[in-house]
Each structure stands twice: as structure tokens, then as C-alpha cells.
């Protein structure tokens, strides 16, 4: 593999189900998330908070 990884780019449209799954995964594993994924995890969390009421967020993160 080349040393310069700055050429790794791409685009992907996440489904609602994928975003919800990622949000729960990141929340459950927040103490183990690497620094390189921290910014992405905060982006996913911001999607949750911008698309749900606080009551919905609370219910979402507290259901199994």
C-alpha cells in the first residue's frame, strides 16, 4: 500500500436504518472510539439530534 493515503475518497449515502444503527453503536462504544472516528461519530450524533425531538432521542438511546 502506498504511504500517501490522502487519495482515499468516496461518497456514500447512508440509509436511515444505517444512521440509527451507527448512532447506537457509537453511543454504546463511545469510550472505545478511535480518534480517527470521533469526528464521524459526532456527525452521526448531530443527525440524530437534528431529526428527533429530545424526547425521541431519549427514548431512542434508552431502548434495547
Protein backbone atom coordinates (compact mmCIF):
# COMPACT_ATOMS: atom_id res chain seq x y z
CA UNK A 1 0.00 0.00 0.00
CA UNK A 2 1.22 3.47 -0.79
CA UNK A 3 2.31 5.68 2.08
CA UNK A 4 0.15 8.58 0.91
CA UNK A 5 -3.43 7.70 1.83
CA UNK A 6 -4.83 11.16 1.09
CA UNK A 7 -6.22 9.80 -2.18
CA UNK A 8 -8.81 7.69 -0.33
CA UNK A 9 -12.03 9.49 -1.14
CA UNK A 10 -15.54 8.42 -1.92
CA UNK A 11 -19.14 9.13 -1.28
CA UNK A 12 -21.88 7.05 0.24
CA UNK A 13 -25.50 7.79 1.09
CA UNK A 14 -26.43 6.22 4.38
CA UNK A 15 -29.94 4.91 4.85
CA UNK A 16 -31.94 5.97 7.89
CA UNK A 17 -31.51 2.47 9.32
CA UNK A 18 -27.73 2.67 8.91
CA UNK A 19 -27.56 6.08 10.59
CA UNK A 20 -29.66 4.86 13.51
CA UNK A 21 -27.52 1.74 13.86
CA UNK A 22 -24.31 3.75 13.74
CA UNK A 23 -25.62 6.20 16.33
CA UNK A 24 -26.41 3.39 18.76
CA UNK A 25 -23.08 1.69 18.04
CA UNK A 26 -21.11 4.88 18.67
CA UNK A 27 -23.07 5.66 21.84
CA UNK A 28 -22.60 2.13 23.18
CA UNK A 29 -18.88 2.20 22.38
CA UNK A 30 -18.11 5.87 22.97
CA UNK A 31 -15.16 5.12 25.27
CA UNK A 32 -13.54 2.89 22.67
CA UNK A 33 -13.96 5.04 19.55
CA UNK A 34 -10.64 5.89 17.99
CA UNK A 35 -9.66 9.49 17.47
CA UNK A 36 -9.91 8.97 13.72
CA UNK A 37 -13.64 8.09 14.04
CA UNK A 38 -14.53 10.69 16.69
CA UNK A 39 -15.47 13.44 14.20
CA UNK A 40 -17.63 10.99 12.22
CA UNK A 41 -19.37 9.79 15.39
CA UNK A 42 -20.22 13.39 16.33
CA UNK A 43 -21.60 13.96 12.83
CA UNK A 44 -23.88 10.92 13.18
CA UNK A 45 -24.97 12.11 16.62
CA UNK A 46 -25.78 15.55 15.22
CA UNK A 47 -28.02 13.92 12.60
CA UNK A 48 -29.95 12.19 15.37
CA UNK A 49 -30.40 15.41 17.36
CA UNK A 50 -31.40 17.44 14.32
CA UNK A 51 -34.06 14.95 13.21
CA UNK A 52 -35.66 13.98 16.53
CA UNK A 53 -37.16 15.77 19.48
CA UNK A 54 -35.29 15.47 22.77
CA UNK A 55 -37.95 13.05 23.97
CA UNK A 56 -37.46 10.89 20.88
CA UNK A 57 -33.69 10.96 21.32
CA UNK A 58 -34.01 9.91 24.94
CA UNK A 59 -36.32 7.04 24.01
CA UNK A 60 -34.13 6.04 21.08
CA UNK A 61 -30.92 5.78 23.09
CA UNK A 62 -32.60 4.05 26.03
CA UNK A 63 -34.41 1.27 24.19
CA UNK A 64 -32.67 -2.04 23.60
